[in-house]
Amino acid sequence: MISMERKDSFGVHFVLRRMKSGKNYIYARVVVNETISEVGAKQEIAANSWNYDRGCAKPKTNELKRINSYLEEMRGKLVRHYQQLRLGDETISADMVKQAFLNYDKPEEQHSLMWLNDHHNKIMKSVLAQGTMKNYYTTRSYLQLFIKKQYSTNDILLRKLTFEFIILAAIIVL
């Protein structure tokens, strides 16, 4: 029997970046299936306190030990986000892990297409003519019918929109 298990490569490495200001900041380099993305760790450190080979601070002081603990916590969160993404069926990229990490505690930013449409219509109601608004309301209803037919749901998150979805929706709805 042939195994259908995916073979994804994944890694998190910490690197030091010297900014034009002369300060050194730590970044987490996320590598997934040959894609690379970096996330700022928001930690500043002197270059002589950084172990380039190991990708961590040289634990000479309590502050440097604290930085290492923070980095390991960050690594753990990135790994958890990667594992969550692996549960889905889509191909994972380093940027997807980065976005999941950055948006983890921001559920209010997980907006849907119908939310965006309603938000637009609410704002534009006082600006546009009633005939124009009627066209927007009609487009919304067709779009919702399309989503229901194609995806068996009433709405879709904006982050789930693909180029193919937009093209297909434009062809069918318009």
N, C-alpha and C. Protein backbone atom coordinates (compact mmCIF):
# COMPACT_ATOMS: atom_id res chain seq x y z
N MET A 1 0.85 -1.18 0.00
CA MET A 1 0.00 0.00 0.00
C MET A 1 0.89 1.24 0.00
N ILE A 2 0.55 2.21 -0.83
CA ILE A 2 1.34 3.44 -0.95
C ILE A 2 0.90 4.44 0.11
N SER A 3 1.86 5.03 0.79
CA SER A 3 1.56 6.03 1.82
C SER A 3 1.29 7.38 1.15
N MET A 4 0.22 8.05 1.58
CA MET A 4 -0.14 9.35 1.03
C MET A 4 0.26 10.50 1.97
N GLU A 5 1.11 10.20 2.93
CA GLU A 5 1.54 11.21 3.89
C GLU A 5 2.43 12.25 3.22
N ARG A 6 2.17 13.53 3.55
CA ARG A 6 2.98 14.60 2.99
C ARG A 6 4.35 14.63 3.64
N LYS A 7 5.33 14.99 2.86
CA LYS A 7 6.70 15.14 3.36
C LYS A 7 7.07 16.61 3.27
N ASP A 8 6.74 17.37 4.30
CA ASP A 8 7.07 18.79 4.35
C ASP A 8 8.37 18.98 5.12
N SER A 9 9.17 19.95 4.66
CA SER A 9 10.36 20.32 5.42
C SER A 9 10.03 21.60 6.18
N PHE A 10 10.54 21.70 7.39
CA PHE A 10 10.22 22.85 8.25
C PHE A 10 11.39 23.12 9.18
N GLY A 11 11.67 24.40 9.41
CA GLY A 11 12.70 24.77 10.36
C GLY A 11 12.55 26.22 10.79
N VAL A 12 13.00 26.51 12.00
CA VAL A 12 13.03 27.87 12.53
C VAL A 12 14.45 28.13 13.03
N HIS A 13 15.07 29.17 12.51
CA HIS A 13 16.42 29.53 12.88
C HIS A 13 16.43 31.02 13.22
N PHE A 14 17.18 31.39 14.22
CA PHE A 14 17.27 32.80 14.60
C PHE A 14 18.55 33.39 14.04
N VAL A 15 18.40 34.57 13.46
CA VAL A 15 19.54 35.27 12.85
C VAL A 15 19.59 36.70 13.38
N LEU A 16 20.77 37.28 13.31
CA LEU A 16 20.97 38.66 13.76
C LEU A 16 21.09 39.56 12.54
N ARG A 17 20.36 40.66 12.57
CA ARG A 17 20.40 41.62 11.47
C ARG A 17 20.89 42.96 12.01
N ARG A 18 21.89 43.52 11.35
CA ARG A 18 22.41 44.84 11.71
C ARG A 18 21.66 45.88 10.89
N MET A 19 21.02 46.81 11.56
CA MET A 19 20.24 47.85 10.89
C MET A 19 21.13 49.05 10.54
N LYS A 20 20.62 49.92 9.70
CA LYS A 20 21.37 51.12 9.32
C LYS A 20 21.66 52.00 10.53
N SER A 21 20.82 51.90 11.54
CA SER A 21 21.01 52.68 12.76
C SER A 21 22.19 52.18 13.58
N GLY A 22 22.71 50.99 13.23
CA GLY A 22 23.82 50.40 13.97
C GLY A 22 23.36 49.40 15.02
N LYS A 23 22.05 49.33 15.27
CA LYS A 23 21.51 48.37 16.25
C LYS A 23 21.35 47.00 15.60
N ASN A 24 21.46 45.97 16.43
CA ASN A 24 21.32 44.58 15.99
C ASN A 24 20.01 44.01 16.52
N TYR A 25 19.19 43.48 15.60
CA TYR A 25 17.91 42.90 15.98
C TYR A 25 17.86 41.43 15.58
N ILE A 26 17.14 40.65 16.37
CA ILE A 26 16.99 39.21 16.13
C ILE A 26 15.75 38.96 15.28
N TYR A 27 15.91 38.09 14.29
CA TYR A 27 14.80 37.68 13.43
C TYR A 27 14.70 36.17 13.45
N ALA A 28 13.47 35.67 13.39
CA ALA A 28 13.23 34.24 13.24
C ALA A 28 13.10 33.97 11.75
N ARG A 29 13.94 33.10 11.23
CA ARG A 29 13.86 32.71 9.82
C ARG A 29 13.08 31.40 9.77
N VAL A 30 11.93 31.44 9.12
CA VAL A 30 11.07 30.28 8.98
C VAL A 30 11.28 29.70 7.58
N VAL A 31 11.58 28.40 7.53
CA VAL A 31 11.80 27.73 6.24
C VAL A 31 10.80 26.59 6.15
N VAL A 32 9.97 26.64 5.08
CA VAL A 32 9.00 25.58 4.84
C VAL A 32 9.04 25.22 3.35
N ASN A 33 9.34 23.97 3.07
CA ASN A 33 9.33 23.48 1.68
C ASN A 33 10.06 24.43 0.73
N GLU A 34 11.24 24.81 1.07
CA GLU A 34 12.10 25.67 0.25
C GLU A 34 11.62 27.12 0.14
N THR A 35 10.61 27.51 0.94
CA THR A 35 10.20 28.92 1.00
C THR A 35 10.73 29.49 2.31
N ILE A 36 11.09 30.78 2.28
CA ILE A 36 11.69 31.42 3.45
C ILE A 36 10.95 32.70 3.77
N SER A 37 10.73 32.93 5.06
CA SER A 37 10.13 34.17 5.53
C SER A 37 10.75 34.51 6.87
N GLU A 38 10.88 35.78 7.16
CA GLU A 38 11.47 36.19 8.44
C GLU A 38 10.47 37.01 9.25
N VAL A 39 10.52 36.78 10.57
CA VAL A 39 9.66 37.49 11.51
C VAL A 39 10.56 38.16 12.54
N GLY A 40 10.34 39.43 12.76
CA GLY A 40 11.10 40.15 13.77
C GLY A 40 10.76 39.66 15.16
N ALA A 41 11.79 39.38 15.95
CA ALA A 41 11.59 38.91 17.33
C ALA A 41 11.45 40.08 18.30
N LYS A 42 11.66 41.30 17.81
CA LYS A 42 11.55 42.51 18.63
C LYS A 42 12.51 42.48 19.81
N GLN A 43 13.70 41.95 19.56
CA GLN A 43 14.74 41.87 20.58
C GLN A 43 16.02 42.47 20.02
N GLU A 44 16.60 43.39 20.78
CA GLU A 44 17.86 44.01 20.39
C GLU A 44 18.98 43.37 21.21
N ILE A 45 20.14 43.18 20.58
CA ILE A 45 21.25 42.53 21.28
C ILE A 45 22.57 43.02 20.68
N ALA A 46 23.59 43.08 21.50
CA ALA A 46 24.93 43.44 21.01
C ALA A 46 25.49 42.27 20.20
N ALA A 47 26.18 42.57 19.12
CA ALA A 47 26.71 41.53 18.23
C ALA A 47 27.64 40.57 18.97
N ASN A 48 28.43 41.08 19.94
CA ASN A 48 29.36 40.20 20.65
C ASN A 48 28.66 39.30 21.68
N SER A 49 27.35 39.51 21.88
CA SER A 49 26.58 38.66 22.79
C SER A 49 25.78 37.60 22.03
N TRP A 50 25.97 37.53 20.73
CA TRP A 50 25.20 36.60 19.89
C TRP A 50 26.06 35.43 19.44
N ASN A 51 25.55 34.22 19.58
CA ASN A 51 26.21 33.02 19.11
C ASN A 51 25.67 32.72 17.71
N TYR A 52 26.45 33.08 16.69
CA TYR A 52 26.01 32.94 15.30
C TYR A 52 25.80 31.48 14.90
N ASP A 53 26.63 30.58 15.42
CA ASP A 53 26.51 29.17 15.05
C ASP A 53 25.23 28.54 15.60
N ARG A 54 24.90 28.87 16.83
CA ARG A 54 23.72 28.28 17.48
C ARG A 54 22.45 29.09 17.27
N GLY A 55 22.58 30.34 16.84
CA GLY A 55 21.40 31.18 16.63
C GLY A 55 20.71 31.55 17.92
N CYS A 56 21.52 31.93 18.93
CA CYS A 56 20.96 32.33 20.22
C CYS A 56 21.95 33.26 20.92
N ALA A 57 21.47 33.86 22.00
CA ALA A 57 22.34 34.73 22.78
C ALA A 57 23.31 33.88 23.60
N LYS A 58 24.50 34.42 23.83
CA LYS A 58 25.45 33.76 24.73
C LYS A 58 24.94 34.02 26.14
N PRO A 59 24.55 32.99 26.87
CA PRO A 59 23.87 33.20 28.16
C PRO A 59 24.81 33.63 29.29
N LYS A 60 25.41 34.82 29.14
CA LYS A 60 26.35 35.31 30.16
C LYS A 60 25.65 36.09 31.27
N THR A 61 24.50 36.66 30.96
CA THR A 61 23.77 37.47 31.96
C THR A 61 22.32 37.00 32.02
N ASN A 62 21.61 37.46 33.04
CA ASN A 62 20.20 37.11 33.17
C ASN A 62 19.38 37.67 32.00
N GLU A 63 19.75 38.85 31.52
CA GLU A 63 19.04 39.44 30.39
C GLU A 63 19.21 38.59 29.13
N LEU A 64 20.41 38.10 28.90
CA LEU A 64 20.65 37.25 27.73
C LEU A 64 19.94 35.90 27.88
N LYS A 65 19.86 35.39 29.10
CA LYS A 65 19.11 34.15 29.34
C LYS A 65 17.62 34.38 29.08
N ARG A 66 17.12 35.57 29.45
CA ARG A 66 15.72 35.92 29.21
C ARG A 66 15.45 35.97 27.72
N ILE A 67 16.37 36.55 26.95
CA ILE A 67 16.22 36.61 25.49
C ILE A 67 16.14 35.20 24.91
N ASN A 68 17.01 34.30 25.37
CA ASN A 68 16.98 32.92 24.88
C ASN A 68 15.65 32.24 25.21
N SER A 69 15.13 32.47 26.40
CA SER A 69 13.83 31.90 26.78
C SER A 69 12.73 32.42 25.87
N TYR A 70 12.78 33.73 25.60
CA TYR A 70 11.80 34.35 24.72
C TYR A 70 11.87 33.74 23.31
N LEU A 71 13.09 33.54 22.82
CA LEU A 71 13.26 32.97 21.48
C LEU A 71 12.73 31.54 21.41
N GLU A 72 12.96 30.77 22.46
CA GLU A 72 12.44 29.39 22.47
C GLU A 72 10.92 29.37 22.53
N GLU A 73 10.34 30.32 23.26
CA GLU A 73 8.89 30.43 23.31
C GLU A 73 8.36 30.80 21.92
N MET A 74 9.04 31.72 21.25
CA MET A 74 8.66 32.11 19.90
C MET A 74 8.76 30.93 18.94
N ARG A 75 9.85 30.16 19.06
CA ARG A 75 10.03 28.97 18.22
C ARG A 75 8.87 28.00 18.44
N GLY A 76 8.50 27.79 19.69
CA GLY A 76 7.40 26.89 20.01
C GLY A 76 6.09 27.33 19.38
N LYS A 77 5.82 28.62 19.40
CA LYS A 77 4.59 29.13 18.78
C LYS A 77 4.61 28.96 17.27
N LEU A 78 5.76 29.21 16.65
CA LEU A 78 5.88 29.02 15.21
C LEU A 78 5.67 27.55 14.84
N VAL A 79 6.22 26.65 15.64
CA VAL A 79 6.05 25.22 15.40
C VAL A 79 4.57 24.84 15.52
N ARG A 80 3.89 25.35 16.54
CA ARG A 80 2.46 25.05 16.72
C ARG A 80 1.64 25.55 15.53
N HIS A 81 1.96 26.74 15.05
CA HIS A 81 1.22 27.27 13.89
C HIS A 81 1.48 26.41 12.65
N TYR A 82 2.70 25.98 12.48
CA TYR A 82 3.03 25.10 11.36
C TYR A 82 2.22 23.79 11.46
N GLN A 83 2.18 23.21 12.66
CA GLN A 83 1.45 21.96 12.85
C GLN A 83 -0.05 22.14 12.59
N GLN A 84 -0.59 23.29 12.99
CA GLN A 84 -2.01 23.58 12.73
C GLN A 84 -2.26 23.67 11.22
N LEU A 85 -1.37 24.35 10.52
CA LEU A 85 -1.52 24.48 9.07
C LEU A 85 -1.40 23.13 8.37
N ARG A 86 -0.59 22.25 8.90
CA ARG A 86 -0.41 20.91 8.31
C ARG A 86 -1.69 20.09 8.36
N LEU A 87 -2.58 20.43 9.30
CA LEU A 87 -3.84 19.69 9.40
C LEU A 87 -4.74 19.96 8.20
N GLY A 88 -4.54 21.08 7.52
CA GLY A 88 -5.31 21.40 6.33
C GLY A 88 -4.80 20.67 5.11
N ASP A 89 -5.48 20.84 4.02
CA ASP A 89 -5.14 20.14 2.78
C ASP A 89 -4.24 20.95 1.86
N GLU A 90 -4.08 22.23 2.13
CA GLU A 90 -3.32 23.06 1.20
C GLU A 90 -1.81 22.97 1.44
N THR A 91 -1.06 23.34 0.41
CA THR A 91 0.39 23.36 0.50
C THR A 91 0.80 24.52 1.40
N ILE A 92 1.73 24.27 2.29
CA ILE A 92 2.13 25.27 3.29
C ILE A 92 3.38 25.99 2.80
N SER A 93 3.42 27.30 3.07
CA SER A 93 4.61 28.10 2.77
C SER A 93 5.08 28.76 4.06
N ALA A 94 6.30 29.25 4.04
CA ALA A 94 6.86 29.94 5.20
C ALA A 94 6.04 31.19 5.52
N ASP A 95 5.57 31.88 4.49
CA ASP A 95 4.78 33.08 4.71
C ASP A 95 3.45 32.77 5.39
N MET A 96 2.87 31.61 5.11
CA MET A 96 1.63 31.20 5.78
C MET A 96 1.86 31.00 7.28
N VAL A 97 2.99 30.40 7.63
CA VAL A 97 3.32 30.22 9.05
C VAL A 97 3.52 31.58 9.71
N LYS A 98 4.23 32.46 9.03
CA LYS A 98 4.47 33.82 9.55
C LYS A 98 3.14 34.54 9.78
N GLN A 99 2.25 34.50 8.80
CA GLN A 99 0.96 35.19 8.94
C GLN A 99 0.13 34.59 10.06
N ALA A 100 0.13 33.28 10.20
CA ALA A 100 -0.61 32.64 11.29
C ALA A 100 -0.05 33.09 12.64
N PHE A 101 1.27 33.17 12.74
CA PHE A 101 1.93 33.62 13.97
C PHE A 101 1.57 35.08 14.28
N LEU A 102 1.62 35.94 13.27
CA LEU A 102 1.36 37.36 13.49
C LEU A 102 -0.10 37.66 13.79
N ASN A 103 -1.02 36.85 13.27
CA ASN A 103 -2.45 37.10 13.47
C ASN A 103 -3.07 36.26 14.56
N TYR A 104 -2.26 35.52 15.30
CA TYR A 104 -2.78 34.56 16.27
C TYR A 104 -3.73 35.19 17.28
N ASP A 105 -3.35 36.29 17.87
CA ASP A 105 -4.18 36.89 18.90
C ASP A 105 -5.04 38.03 18.37
N LYS A 106 -5.33 38.02 17.06
CA LYS A 106 -6.09 39.11 16.46
C LYS A 106 -7.30 38.56 15.70
N PRO A 107 -8.24 37.89 16.40
CA PRO A 107 -9.37 37.31 15.68
C PRO A 107 -10.25 38.37 15.02
N GLU A 108 -10.23 39.60 15.52
CA GLU A 108 -11.04 40.65 14.91
C GLU A 108 -10.55 40.99 13.51
N GLU A 109 -9.34 40.60 13.18
CA GLU A 109 -8.81 40.86 11.86
C GLU A 109 -9.11 39.71 10.89
N GLN A 110 -9.83 38.72 11.34
CA GLN A 110 -10.19 37.59 10.50
C GLN A 110 -11.53 37.90 9.83
N HIS A 111 -11.54 38.87 8.93
CA HIS A 111 -12.78 39.31 8.30
C HIS A 111 -13.14 38.41 7.12
N SER A 112 -14.43 38.42 6.82
CA SER A 112 -14.95 37.61 5.72
C SER A 112 -15.35 38.50 4.55
N LEU A 113 -15.62 37.85 3.43
CA LEU A 113 -16.03 38.58 2.23
C LEU A 113 -17.38 39.26 2.43
N MET A 114 -18.33 38.59 3.06
CA MET A 114 -19.64 39.19 3.29
C MET A 114 -19.53 40.35 4.30
N TRP A 115 -18.64 40.20 5.30
CA TRP A 115 -18.42 41.30 6.23
C TRP A 115 -17.91 42.52 5.48
N LEU A 116 -16.94 42.32 4.60
CA LEU A 116 -16.37 43.42 3.82
C LEU A 116 -17.43 44.07 2.93
N ASN A 117 -18.24 43.25 2.29
CA ASN A 117 -19.30 43.76 1.44
C ASN A 117 -20.30 44.59 2.25
N ASP A 118 -20.73 44.07 3.40
CA ASP A 118 -21.67 44.81 4.25
C ASP A 118 -21.06 46.09 4.78
N HIS A 119 -19.79 46.03 5.15
CA HIS A 119 -19.08 47.21 5.65
C HIS A 119 -19.03 48.29 4.55
N HIS A 120 -18.69 47.88 3.35
CA HIS A 120 -18.66 48.80 2.21
C HIS A 120 -20.03 49.44 1.99
N ASN A 121 -21.06 48.60 1.95
CA ASN A 121 -22.41 49.11 1.69
C ASN A 121 -22.89 50.06 2.78
N LYS A 122 -22.54 49.77 4.01
CA LYS A 122 -22.93 50.64 5.13
C LYS A 122 -22.29 52.02 4.99
N ILE A 123 -21.02 52.04 4.64
CA ILE A 123 -20.30 53.31 4.50
C ILE A 123 -20.79 54.09 3.28
N MET A 124 -21.00 53.41 2.18
CA MET A 124 -21.33 54.08 0.93
C MET A 124 -22.81 54.43 0.80
N LYS A 125 -23.65 53.93 1.68
CA LYS A 125 -25.09 54.18 1.62
C LYS A 125 -25.42 55.67 1.61
N SER A 126 -24.67 56.44 2.37
CA SER A 126 -24.94 57.88 2.45
C SER A 126 -24.23 58.66 1.34
N VAL A 127 -23.39 58.00 0.57
CA VAL A 127 -22.60 58.68 -0.47
C VAL A 127 -23.15 58.41 -1.87
N LEU A 128 -23.56 57.19 -2.13
CA LEU A 128 -23.97 56.79 -3.47
C LEU A 128 -25.49 56.89 -3.65
N ALA A 129 -25.90 56.99 -4.91
CA ALA A 129 -27.32 57.06 -5.24
C ALA A 129 -27.99 55.71 -4.95
N GLN A 130 -29.30 55.73 -4.71
CA GLN A 130 -30.04 54.52 -4.37
C GLN A 130 -29.94 53.47 -5.49
N GLY A 131 -29.96 53.91 -6.74
CA GLY A 131 -29.84 52.98 -7.87
C GLY A 131 -28.50 52.26 -7.87
N THR A 132 -27.44 52.98 -7.54
CA THR A 132 -26.11 52.37 -7.46
C THR A 132 -26.05 51.38 -6.31
N MET A 133 -26.62 51.76 -5.17
CA MET A 133 -26.64 50.87 -4.01
C MET A 133 -27.43 49.59 -4.32
N LYS A 134 -28.52 49.72 -5.10
CA LYS A 134 -29.29 48.55 -5.50
C LYS A 134 -28.40 47.56 -6.24
N ASN A 135 -27.52 48.09 -7.11
CA ASN A 135 -26.58 47.21 -7.84
C ASN A 135 -25.63 46.51 -6.88
N TYR A 136 -25.14 47.21 -5.86
CA TYR A 136 -24.25 46.59 -4.87
C TYR A 136 -24.98 45.50 -4.08
N TYR A 137 -26.24 45.75 -3.69
CA TYR A 137 -27.01 44.75 -2.96
C TYR A 137 -27.25 43.51 -3.81
N THR A 138 -27.53 43.72 -5.11
CA THR A 138 -27.75 42.60 -6.02
C THR A 138 -26.47 41.79 -6.19
N THR A 139 -25.35 42.48 -6.36
CA THR A 139 -24.06 41.80 -6.48
C THR A 139 -23.78 40.98 -5.24
N ARG A 140 -24.08 41.53 -4.06
CA ARG A 140 -23.87 40.80 -2.81
C ARG A 140 -24.67 39.50 -2.79
N SER A 141 -25.94 39.57 -3.18
CA SER A 141 -26.77 38.37 -3.15
C SER A 141 -26.26 37.32 -4.14
N TYR A 142 -25.83 37.74 -5.34
CA TYR A 142 -25.26 36.80 -6.30
C TYR A 142 -23.96 36.19 -5.77
N LEU A 143 -23.15 37.01 -5.15
CA LEU A 143 -21.89 36.53 -4.59
C LEU A 143 -22.14 35.50 -3.50
N GLN A 144 -23.14 35.76 -2.66
CA GLN A 144 -23.44 34.81 -1.59
C GLN A 144 -23.98 33.50 -2.16
N LEU A 145 -24.80 33.58 -3.21
CA LEU A 145 -25.29 32.37 -3.88
C LEU A 145 -24.12 31.57 -4.47
N PHE A 146 -23.18 32.27 -5.08
CA PHE A 146 -21.99 31.61 -5.64
C PHE A 146 -21.20 30.88 -4.56
N ILE A 147 -20.96 31.56 -3.43
CA ILE A 147 -20.21 30.94 -2.33
C ILE A 147 -20.96 29.72 -1.80
N LYS A 148 -22.27 29.84 -1.66
CA LYS A 148 -23.08 28.72 -1.16
C LYS A 148 -22.99 27.53 -2.11
N LYS A 149 -23.06 27.79 -3.42
CA LYS A 149 -23.03 26.71 -4.41
C LYS A 149 -21.65 26.08 -4.50
N GLN A 150 -20.59 26.90 -4.54
CA GLN A 150 -19.24 26.40 -4.74
C GLN A 150 -18.62 25.79 -3.48
N TYR A 151 -18.93 26.37 -2.31
CA TYR A 151 -18.23 25.98 -1.08
C TYR A 151 -19.15 25.44 0.02
N SER A 152 -20.43 25.37 -0.25
CA SER A 152 -21.42 24.87 0.73
C SER A 152 -21.35 25.62 2.06
N THR A 153 -21.15 26.92 1.98
CA THR A 153 -21.12 27.77 3.16
C THR A 153 -21.67 29.14 2.76
N ASN A 154 -21.97 29.97 3.75
CA ASN A 154 -22.55 31.28 3.47
C ASN A 154 -21.52 32.39 3.31
N ASP A 155 -20.28 32.12 3.67
CA ASP A 155 -19.27 33.17 3.66
C ASP A 155 -17.89 32.54 3.54
N ILE A 156 -16.89 33.38 3.26
CA ILE A 156 -15.51 32.90 3.14
C ILE A 156 -14.59 33.96 3.73
N LEU A 157 -13.59 33.51 4.49
CA LEU A 157 -12.64 34.45 5.07
C LEU A 157 -11.80 35.10 3.98
N LEU A 158 -11.48 36.37 4.16
CA LEU A 158 -10.68 37.08 3.16
C LEU A 158 -9.33 36.40 2.93
N ARG A 159 -8.73 35.86 4.00
CA ARG A 159 -7.43 35.22 3.85
C ARG A 159 -7.52 33.91 3.07
N LYS A 160 -8.72 33.40 2.85
CA LYS A 160 -8.91 32.16 2.09
C LYS A 160 -9.17 32.44 0.61
N LEU A 161 -9.32 33.72 0.24
CA LEU A 161 -9.57 34.05 -1.16
C LEU A 161 -8.34 33.74 -2.00
N THR A 162 -8.59 33.13 -3.13
CA THR A 162 -7.51 32.81 -4.05
C THR A 162 -7.77 33.53 -5.37
N PHE A 163 -6.76 33.59 -6.20
CA PHE A 163 -6.89 34.19 -7.52
C PHE A 163 -7.99 33.46 -8.31
N GLU A 164 -8.00 32.14 -8.23
CA GLU A 164 -8.99 31.34 -8.94
C GLU A 164 -10.41 31.68 -8.48
N PHE A 165 -10.61 31.85 -7.16
CA PHE A 165 -11.92 32.22 -6.63
C PHE A 165 -12.37 33.55 -7.22
N ILE A 166 -11.48 34.53 -7.22
CA ILE A 166 -11.83 35.87 -7.69
C ILE A 166 -12.20 35.85 -9.17
N ILE A 167 -11.42 35.15 -9.97
CA ILE A 167 -11.71 35.05 -11.41
C ILE A 167 -13.03 34.33 -11.65
N LEU A 168 -13.24 33.20 -11.00
CA LEU A 168 -14.47 32.43 -11.17
C LEU A 168 -15.68 33.22 -10.70
N ALA A 169 -15.56 33.88 -9.56
CA ALA A 169 -16.66 34.70 -9.05
C ALA A 169 -16.97 35.85 -9.99
N ALA A 170 -15.94 36.47 -10.53
CA ALA A 170 -16.15 37.59 -11.46
C ALA A 170 -16.86 37.11 -12.72
N ILE A 171 -16.51 35.95 -13.22
CA ILE A 171 -17.14 35.41 -14.43
C ILE A 171 -18.59 35.07 -14.17
N ILE A 172 -18.85 34.40 -13.05
CA ILE A 172 -20.21 33.94 -12.76
C ILE A 172 -21.10 35.07 -12.28
N VAL A 173 -20.62 35.89 -11.36
CA VAL A 173 -21.44 36.95 -10.77
C VAL A 173 -21.67 38.09 -11.74
N LEU A 174 -20.63 38.48 -12.48
CA LEU A 174 -20.78 39.59 -13.41
C LEU A 174 -21.24 39.07 -14.72
